[in-house]
Amino acid sequence: MSKIEIQCNNHQACAKDVETFVKNELKANDIRLNTVADLNIYYKPEHNQVYYVATTKDGRIYRNIEPLEFA
Protein backbone atom coordinates (compact mmCIF):
# COMPACT_ATOMS: atom_id res chain seq x y z
CA MET A 1 0.00 0.00 0.00
CA SER A 2 1.37 3.38 -1.01
CA LYS A 3 0.39 6.88 0.04
CA ILE A 4 1.48 10.00 -1.79
CA GLU A 5 1.53 13.12 0.36
CA ILE A 6 1.97 16.52 -1.29
CA GLN A 7 3.44 19.30 0.84
CA CYS A 8 4.08 22.93 -0.03
CA ASN A 9 4.38 25.88 2.33
CA ASN A 10 1.77 25.21 5.02
CA HIS A 11 -0.49 23.08 2.80
CA GLN A 12 -0.52 19.34 2.54
CA ALA A 13 -2.76 16.82 0.86
CA CYS A 14 -2.89 13.12 0.18
CA ALA A 15 -3.13 12.42 -3.57
CA LYS A 16 -5.96 9.92 -3.01
CA ASP A 17 -7.93 12.53 -1.03
CA VAL A 18 -7.59 15.02 -3.89
CA GLU A 19 -8.84 12.35 -6.32
CA THR A 20 -11.83 11.55 -4.08
CA PHE A 21 -12.56 15.28 -3.75
CA VAL A 22 -12.74 15.67 -7.54
CA LYS A 23 -14.83 12.52 -8.01
CA ASN A 24 -17.33 13.82 -5.45
CA GLU A 25 -17.45 17.11 -7.35
CA LEU A 26 -18.20 15.25 -10.59
CA LYS A 27 -20.99 13.27 -8.90
CA ALA A 28 -22.43 16.49 -7.45
CA ASN A 29 -22.60 17.81 -11.03
CA ASP A 30 -24.51 14.69 -12.17
CA ILE A 31 -21.55 13.20 -14.04
CA ARG A 32 -21.56 9.44 -13.57
CA LEU A 33 -18.08 8.13 -12.86
CA ASN A 34 -18.65 4.98 -14.91
CA THR A 35 -18.99 7.21 -18.00
CA VAL A 36 -15.59 8.87 -17.46
CA ALA A 37 -12.83 7.52 -19.72
CA ASP A 38 -10.05 9.93 -18.63
CA LEU A 39 -9.71 12.11 -15.57
CA ASN A 40 -6.82 14.54 -15.25
CA ILE A 41 -6.43 16.32 -11.92
CA TYR A 42 -4.21 19.31 -11.25
CA TYR A 43 -3.48 20.26 -7.65
CA LYS A 44 -1.79 23.59 -6.91
CA PRO A 45 -0.52 23.09 -3.35
CA GLU A 46 0.75 26.64 -2.95
CA HIS A 47 -2.88 27.84 -3.18
CA ASN A 48 -4.67 24.64 -2.10
CA GLN A 49 -6.61 24.69 -5.40
CA VAL A 50 -7.75 21.88 -7.67
CA TYR A 51 -8.57 21.83 -11.37
CA TYR A 52 -9.77 18.86 -13.40
CA VAL A 53 -10.56 17.77 -16.94
CA ALA A 54 -12.84 14.75 -17.32
CA THR A 55 -13.50 13.17 -20.71
CA THR A 56 -16.41 10.77 -21.00
CA LYS A 57 -16.48 7.65 -23.15
CA ASP A 58 -18.66 9.48 -25.68
CA GLY A 59 -16.15 12.34 -25.96
CA ARG A 60 -17.78 15.00 -23.79
CA ILE A 61 -15.35 17.14 -21.82
CA TYR A 62 -16.05 18.54 -18.36
CA ARG A 63 -13.71 20.91 -16.56
CA ASN A 64 -13.78 23.55 -13.91
CA ILE A 65 -12.84 27.08 -14.88
CA GLU A 66 -12.83 28.42 -11.33
CA PRO A 67 -10.51 26.56 -8.96
CA LEU A 68 -11.96 24.24 -6.35
CA GLU A 69 -10.70 24.98 -2.86
CA PHE A 70 -9.34 21.80 -1.32
CA ALA A 71 -9.97 21.71 2.41
PDB file of N, CA and C in Angstrom:
ATOM      1  N   MET A   1       0.844  -1.176   0.000  1.00  0.00           N
ATOM      2  CA  MET A   1       0.000   0.000   0.000  1.00  0.00           C
ATOM      3  C   MET A   1       0.884   1.233   0.000  1.00  0.00           C
ATOM      4  N   SER A   2       0.606   2.141  -0.902  1.00  0.00           N
ATOM      5  CA  SER A   2       1.366   3.385  -1.005  1.00  0.00           C
ATOM      6  C   SER A   2       0.468   4.568  -0.692  1.00  0.00           C
ATOM      7  N   LYS A   3       1.099   5.635  -0.216  1.00  0.00           N
ATOM      8  CA  LYS A   3       0.390   6.883   0.040  1.00  0.00           C
ATOM      9  C   LYS A   3       1.286   8.005  -0.454  1.00  0.00           C
ATOM     10  N   ILE A   4       0.727   8.861  -1.291  1.00  0.00           N
ATOM     11  CA  ILE A   4       1.484  10.001  -1.789  1.00  0.00           C
ATOM     12  C   ILE A   4       0.969  11.246  -1.094  1.00  0.00           C
ATOM     13  N   GLU A   5       1.856  11.901  -0.378  1.00  0.00           N
ATOM     14  CA  GLU A   5       1.534  13.116   0.364  1.00  0.00           C
ATOM     15  C   GLU A   5       2.225  14.286  -0.334  1.00  0.00           C
ATOM     16  N   ILE A   6       1.449  15.329  -0.626  1.00  0.00           N
ATOM     17  CA  ILE A   6       1.975  16.517  -1.293  1.00  0.00           C
ATOM     18  C   ILE A   6       2.065  17.618  -0.245  1.00  0.00           C
ATOM     19  N   GLN A   7       3.243  18.236  -0.142  1.00  0.00           N
ATOM     20  CA  GLN A   7       3.435  19.298   0.841  1.00  0.00           C
ATOM     21  C   GLN A   7       4.072  20.507   0.176  1.00  0.00           C
ATOM     22  N   CYS A   8       3.539  21.673   0.503  1.00  0.00           N
ATOM     23  CA  CYS A   8       4.082  22.925  -0.026  1.00  0.00           C
ATOM     24  C   CYS A   8       3.674  24.045   0.926  1.00  0.00           C
ATOM     25  N   ASN A   9       4.635  24.828   1.343  1.00  0.00           N
ATOM     26  CA  ASN A   9       4.382  25.884   2.325  1.00  0.00           C
ATOM     27  C   ASN A   9       3.658  25.268   3.522  1.00  0.00           C
ATOM     28  N   ASN A  10       2.513  25.768   3.891  1.00  0.00           N
ATOM     29  CA  ASN A  10       1.771  25.209   5.024  1.00  0.00           C
ATOM     30  C   ASN A  10       0.615  24.325   4.585  1.00  0.00           C
ATOM     31  N   HIS A  11       0.592  23.923   3.321  1.00  0.00           N
ATOM     32  CA  HIS A  11      -0.487  23.085   2.801  1.00  0.00           C
ATOM     33  C   HIS A  11       0.019  21.672   2.582  1.00  0.00           C
ATOM     34  N   GLN A  12      -0.851  20.726   2.829  1.00  0.00           N
ATOM     35  CA  GLN A  12      -0.517  19.342   2.537  1.00  0.00           C
ATOM     36  C   GLN A  12      -1.786  18.611   2.145  1.00  0.00           C
ATOM     37  N   ALA A  13      -1.617  17.603   1.314  1.00  0.00           N
ATOM     38  CA  ALA A  13      -2.759  16.818   0.856  1.00  0.00           C
ATOM     39  C   ALA A  13      -2.279  15.435   0.446  1.00  0.00           C
ATOM     40  N   CYS A  14      -3.126  14.477   0.649  1.00  0.00           N
ATOM     41  CA  CYS A  14      -2.892  13.121   0.176  1.00  0.00           C
ATOM     42  C   CYS A  14      -3.459  13.043  -1.246  1.00  0.00           C
ATOM     43  N   ALA A  15      -2.700  12.492  -2.171  1.00  0.00           N
ATOM     44  CA  ALA A  15      -3.134  12.425  -3.572  1.00  0.00           C
ATOM     45  C   ALA A  15      -4.483  11.715  -3.703  1.00  0.00           C
ATOM     46  N   LYS A  16      -4.694  10.666  -2.948  1.00  0.00           N
ATOM     47  CA  LYS A  16      -5.963   9.922  -3.007  1.00  0.00           C
ATOM     48  C   LYS A  16      -7.120  10.798  -2.524  1.00  0.00           C
ATOM     49  N   ASP A  17      -6.888  11.631  -1.520  1.00  0.00           N
ATOM     50  CA  ASP A  17      -7.933  12.526  -1.025  1.00  0.00           C
ATOM     51  C   ASP A  17      -8.310  13.577  -2.071  1.00  0.00           C
ATOM     52  N   VAL A  18      -7.319  14.053  -2.819  1.00  0.00           N
ATOM     53  CA  VAL A  18      -7.590  15.016  -3.889  1.00  0.00           C
ATOM     54  C   VAL A  18      -8.427  14.340  -4.976  1.00  0.00           C
ATOM     55  N   GLU A  19      -8.077  13.100  -5.322  1.00  0.00           N
ATOM     56  CA  GLU A  19      -8.841  12.352  -6.318  1.00  0.00           C
ATOM     57  C   GLU A  19     -10.285  12.150  -5.852  1.00  0.00           C
ATOM     58  N   THR A  20     -10.487  11.749  -4.625  1.00  0.00           N
ATOM     59  CA  THR A  20     -11.829  11.548  -4.078  1.00  0.00           C
ATOM     60  C   THR A  20     -12.610  12.856  -4.085  1.00  0.00           C
ATOM     61  N   PHE A  21     -11.953  13.943  -3.742  1.00  0.00           N
ATOM     62  CA  PHE A  21     -12.563  15.278  -3.750  1.00  0.00           C
ATOM     63  C   PHE A  21     -13.111  15.614  -5.139  1.00  0.00           C
ATOM     64  N   VAL A  22     -12.316  15.375  -6.176  1.00  0.00           N
ATOM     65  CA  VAL A  22     -12.741  15.669  -7.545  1.00  0.00           C
ATOM     66  C   VAL A  22     -13.877  14.728  -7.974  1.00  0.00           C
ATOM     67  N   LYS A  23     -13.774  13.472  -7.641  1.00  0.00           N
ATOM     68  CA  LYS A  23     -14.828  12.519  -8.014  1.00  0.00           C
ATOM     69  C   LYS A  23     -16.152  12.896  -7.348  1.00  0.00           C
ATOM     70  N   ASN A  24     -16.109  13.359  -6.118  1.00  0.00           N
ATOM     71  CA  ASN A  24     -17.330  13.817  -5.452  1.00  0.00           C
ATOM     72  C   ASN A  24     -17.896  15.061  -6.134  1.00  0.00           C
ATOM     73  N   GLU A  25     -17.024  15.920  -6.612  1.00  0.00           N
ATOM     74  CA  GLU A  25     -17.454  17.113  -7.350  1.00  0.00           C
ATOM     75  C   GLU A  25     -18.149  16.705  -8.656  1.00  0.00           C
ATOM     76  N   LEU A  26     -17.591  15.731  -9.354  1.00  0.00           N
ATOM     77  CA  LEU A  26     -18.202  15.246 -10.591  1.00  0.00           C
ATOM     78  C   LEU A  26     -19.593  14.674 -10.304  1.00  0.00           C
ATOM     79  N   LYS A  27     -19.686  13.850  -9.265  1.00  0.00           N
ATOM     80  CA  LYS A  27     -20.993  13.275  -8.896  1.00  0.00           C
ATOM     81  C   LYS A  27     -21.995  14.370  -8.537  1.00  0.00           C
ATOM     82  N   ALA A  28     -21.542  15.389  -7.838  1.00  0.00           N
ATOM     83  CA  ALA A  28     -22.426  16.491  -7.452  1.00  0.00           C
ATOM     84  C   ALA A  28     -22.943  17.245  -8.676  1.00  0.00           C
ATOM     85  N   ASN A  29     -22.199  17.168  -9.775  1.00  0.00           N
ATOM     86  CA  ASN A  29     -22.603  17.805 -11.028  1.00  0.00           C
ATOM     87  C   ASN A  29     -23.272  16.810 -11.981  1.00  0.00           C
ATOM     88  N   ASP A  30     -23.773  15.711 -11.424  1.00  0.00           N
ATOM     89  CA  ASP A  30     -24.507  14.688 -12.171  1.00  0.00           C
ATOM     90  C   ASP A  30     -23.695  14.041 -13.289  1.00  0.00           C
ATOM     91  N   ILE A  31     -22.403  13.917 -13.086  1.00  0.00           N
ATOM     92  CA  ILE A  31     -21.553  13.197 -14.035  1.00  0.00           C
ATOM     93  C   ILE A  31     -21.266  11.830 -13.429  1.00  0.00           C
ATOM     94  N   ARG A  32     -21.743  10.800 -14.090  1.00  0.00           N
ATOM     95  CA  ARG A  32     -21.558   9.441 -13.570  1.00  0.00           C
ATOM     96  C   ARG A  32     -20.128   8.979 -13.813  1.00  0.00           C
ATOM     97  N   LEU A  33     -19.484   8.516 -12.761  1.00  0.00           N
ATOM     98  CA  LEU A  33     -18.079   8.131 -12.855  1.00  0.00           C
ATOM     99  C   LEU A  33     -17.848   6.982 -13.826  1.00  0.00           C
ATOM    100  N   ASN A  34     -18.837   6.100 -13.996  1.00  0.00           N
ATOM    101  CA  ASN A  34     -18.646   4.983 -14.912  1.00  0.00           C
ATOM    102  C   ASN A  34     -18.702   5.418 -16.379  1.00  0.00           C
ATOM    103  N   THR A  35     -19.015   6.692 -16.632  1.00  0.00           N
ATOM    104  CA  THR A  35     -18.987   7.212 -18.002  1.00  0.00           C
ATOM    105  C   THR A  35     -17.681   7.943 -18.311  1.00  0.00           C
ATOM    106  N   VAL A  36     -16.841   8.130 -17.294  1.00  0.00           N
ATOM    107  CA  VAL A  36     -15.588   8.873 -17.464  1.00  0.00           C
ATOM    108  C   VAL A  36     -14.495   7.934 -17.987  1.00  0.00           C
ATOM    109  N   ALA A  37     -13.924   8.304 -19.130  1.00  0.00           N
ATOM    110  CA  ALA A  37     -12.832   7.524 -19.718  1.00  0.00           C
ATOM    111  C   ALA A  37     -11.481   8.008 -19.205  1.00  0.00           C
ATOM    112  N   ASP A  38     -11.309   9.329 -19.106  1.00  0.00           N
ATOM    113  CA  ASP A  38     -10.055   9.926 -18.632  1.00  0.00           C
ATOM    114  C   ASP A  38     -10.365  11.029 -17.635  1.00  0.00           C
ATOM    115  N   LEU A  39      -9.562  11.064 -16.584  1.00  0.00           N
ATOM    116  CA  LEU A  39      -9.709  12.111 -15.573  1.00  0.00           C
ATOM    117  C   LEU A  39      -8.322  12.639 -15.242  1.00  0.00           C
ATOM    118  N   ASN A  40      -8.092  13.893 -15.563  1.00  0.00           N
ATOM    119  CA  ASN A  40      -6.820  14.544 -15.250  1.00  0.00           C
ATOM    120  C   ASN A  40      -7.073  15.567 -14.149  1.00  0.00           C
ATOM    121  N   ILE A  41      -6.264  15.469 -13.096  1.00  0.00           N
ATOM    122  CA  ILE A  41      -6.430  16.318 -11.921  1.00  0.00           C
ATOM    123  C   ILE A  41      -5.152  17.123 -11.714  1.00  0.00           C
ATOM    124  N   TYR A  42      -5.336  18.410 -11.463  1.00  0.00           N
ATOM    125  CA  TYR A  42      -4.206  19.309 -11.251  1.00  0.00           C
ATOM    126  C   TYR A  42      -4.368  19.977  -9.891  1.00  0.00           C
ATOM    127  N   TYR A  43      -3.438  19.701  -9.001  1.00  0.00           N
ATOM    128  CA  TYR A  43      -3.478  20.262  -7.647  1.00  0.00           C
ATOM    129  C   TYR A  43      -2.376  21.302  -7.516  1.00  0.00           C
ATOM    130  N   LYS A  44      -2.751  22.513  -7.130  1.00  0.00           N
ATOM    131  CA  LYS A  44      -1.788  23.590  -6.910  1.00  0.00           C
ATOM    132  C   LYS A  44      -1.625  23.752  -5.397  1.00  0.00           C
ATOM    133  N   PRO A  45      -0.640  23.075  -4.811  1.00  0.00           N
ATOM    134  CA  PRO A  45      -0.521  23.086  -3.349  1.00  0.00           C
ATOM    135  C   PRO A  45      -0.234  24.456  -2.756  1.00  0.00           C
ATOM    136  N   GLU A  46       0.426  25.324  -3.510  1.00  0.00           N
ATOM    137  CA  GLU A  46       0.746  26.642  -2.948  1.00  0.00           C
ATOM    138  C   GLU A  46      -0.503  27.464  -2.684  1.00  0.00           C
ATOM    139  N   HIS A  47      -1.614  27.131  -3.374  1.00  0.00           N
ATOM    140  CA  HIS A  47      -2.881  27.841  -3.176  1.00  0.00           C
ATOM    141  C   HIS A  47      -3.999  26.918  -2.688  1.00  0.00           C
ATOM    142  N   ASN A  48      -3.688  25.631  -2.538  1.00  0.00           N
ATOM    143  CA  ASN A  48      -4.673  24.635  -2.103  1.00  0.00           C
ATOM    144  C   ASN A  48      -5.866  24.599  -3.071  1.00  0.00           C
ATOM    145  N   GLN A  49      -5.582  24.656  -4.370  1.00  0.00           N
ATOM    146  CA  GLN A  49      -6.614  24.687  -5.399  1.00  0.00           C
ATOM    147  C   GLN A  49      -6.515  23.461  -6.305  1.00  0.00           C
ATOM    148  N   VAL A  50      -7.676  23.054  -6.807  1.00  0.00           N
ATOM    149  CA  VAL A  50      -7.749  21.879  -7.668  1.00  0.00           C
ATOM    150  C   VAL A  50      -8.487  22.228  -8.957  1.00  0.00           C
ATOM    151  N   TYR A  51      -7.929  21.745 -10.058  1.00  0.00           N
ATOM    152  CA  TYR A  51      -8.574  21.834 -11.374  1.00  0.00           C
ATOM    153  C   TYR A  51      -8.685  20.411 -11.912  1.00  0.00           C
ATOM    154  N   TYR A  52      -9.654  20.180 -12.786  1.00  0.00           N
ATOM    155  CA  TYR A  52      -9.774  18.857 -13.399  1.00  0.00           C
ATOM    156  C   TYR A  52     -10.297  18.975 -14.824  1.00  0.00           C
ATOM    157  N   VAL A  53     -10.004  17.936 -15.610  1.00  0.00           N
ATOM    158  CA  VAL A  53     -10.562  17.767 -16.944  1.00  0.00           C
ATOM    159  C   VAL A  53     -10.991  16.309 -17.025  1.00  0.00           C
ATOM    160  N   ALA A  54     -12.289  16.106 -17.211  1.00  0.00           N
ATOM    161  CA  ALA A  54     -12.843  14.749 -17.322  1.00  0.00           C
ATOM    162  C   ALA A  54     -13.396  14.577 -18.734  1.00  0.00           C
ATOM    163  N   THR A  55     -12.986  13.500 -19.384  1.00  0.00           N
ATOM    164  CA  THR A  55     -13.496  13.173 -20.712  1.00  0.00           C
ATOM    165  C   THR A  55     -14.308  11.891 -20.595  1.00  0.00           C
ATOM    166  N   THR A  56     -15.543  11.944 -21.072  1.00  0.00           N
ATOM    167  CA  THR A  56     -16.409  10.765 -21.000  1.00  0.00           C
ATOM    168  C   THR A  56     -16.142   9.850 -22.194  1.00  0.00           C
ATOM    169  N   LYS A  57     -16.663   8.641 -22.098  1.00  0.00           N
ATOM    170  CA  LYS A  57     -16.478   7.648 -23.152  1.00  0.00           C
ATOM    171  C   LYS A  57     -17.072   8.101 -24.476  1.00  0.00           C
ATOM    172  N   ASP A  58     -18.074   8.977 -24.431  1.00  0.00           N
ATOM    173  CA  ASP A  58     -18.663   9.480 -25.676  1.00  0.00           C
ATOM    174  C   ASP A  58     -18.028  10.801 -26.131  1.00  0.00           C
ATOM    175  N   GLY A  59     -16.922  11.199 -25.505  1.00  0.00           N
ATOM    176  CA  GLY A  59     -16.152  12.343 -25.962  1.00  0.00           C
ATOM    177  C   GLY A  59     -16.502  13.685 -25.355  1.00  0.00           C
ATOM    178  N   ARG A  60     -17.463  13.727 -24.447  1.00  0.00           N
ATOM    179  CA  ARG A  60     -17.777  14.998 -23.791  1.00  0.00           C
ATOM    180  C   ARG A  60     -16.673  15.367 -22.808  1.00  0.00           C
ATOM    181  N   ILE A  61     -16.410  16.663 -22.703  1.00  0.00           N
ATOM    182  CA  ILE A  61     -15.350  17.144 -21.815  1.00  0.00           C
ATOM    183  C   ILE A  61     -15.960  18.042 -20.752  1.00  0.00           C
ATOM    184  N   TYR A  62     -15.606  17.747 -19.510  1.00  0.00           N
ATOM    185  CA  TYR A  62     -16.051  18.542 -18.364  1.00  0.00           C
ATOM    186  C   TYR A  62     -14.813  19.050 -17.658  1.00  0.00           C
ATOM    187  N   ARG A  63     -14.835  20.325 -17.280  1.00  0.00           N
ATOM    188  CA  ARG A  63     -13.708  20.913 -16.563  1.00  0.00           C
ATOM    189  C   ARG A  63     -14.214  22.051 -15.692  1.00  0.00           C
ATOM    190  N   ASN A  64     -13.442  22.392 -14.722  1.00  0.00           N
ATOM    191  CA  ASN A  64     -13.782  23.554 -13.909  1.00  0.00           C
ATOM    192  C   ASN A  64     -12.919  24.726 -14.349  1.00  0.00           C
ATOM    193  N   ILE A  65     -13.568  25.861 -14.514  1.00  0.00           N
ATOM    194  CA  ILE A  65     -12.839  27.080 -14.885  1.00  0.00           C
ATOM    195  C   ILE A  65     -12.330  27.769 -13.626  1.00  0.00           C
ATOM    196  N   GLU A  66     -13.206  27.862 -12.635  1.00  0.00           N
ATOM    197  CA  GLU A  66     -12.826  28.425 -11.335  1.00  0.00           C
ATOM    198  C   GLU A  66     -12.204  27.312 -10.497  1.00  0.00           C
ATOM    199  N   PRO A  67     -11.147  27.606  -9.760  1.00  0.00           N
ATOM    200  CA  PRO A  67     -10.512  26.560  -8.962  1.00  0.00           C
ATOM    201  C   PRO A  67     -11.416  26.078  -7.834  1.00  0.00           C
ATOM    202  N   LEU A  68     -11.286  24.802  -7.521  1.00  0.00           N
ATOM    203  CA  LEU A  68     -11.959  24.244  -6.353  1.00  0.00           C
ATOM    204  C   LEU A  68     -11.006  24.396  -5.178  1.00  0.00           C
ATOM    205  N   GLU A  69     -11.526  24.837  -4.062  1.00  0.00           N
ATOM    206  CA  GLU A  69     -10.705  24.982  -2.856  1.00  0.00           C
ATOM    207  C   GLU A  69     -10.685  23.655  -2.131  1.00  0.00           C
ATOM    208  N   PHE A  70      -9.502  23.078  -2.001  1.00  0.00           N
ATOM    209  CA  PHE A  70      -9.345  21.798  -1.320  1.00  0.00           C
ATOM    210  C   PHE A  70      -9.159  22.048   0.176  1.00  0.00           C
ATOM    211  N   ALA A  71     -10.025  21.462   0.958  1.00  0.00           N
ATOM    212  CA  ALA A  71      -9.973  21.706   2.406  1.00  0.00           C
ATOM    213  C   ALA A  71      -9.029  20.769   3.102  1.00  0.00           C
TER     214      ALA A  71
END
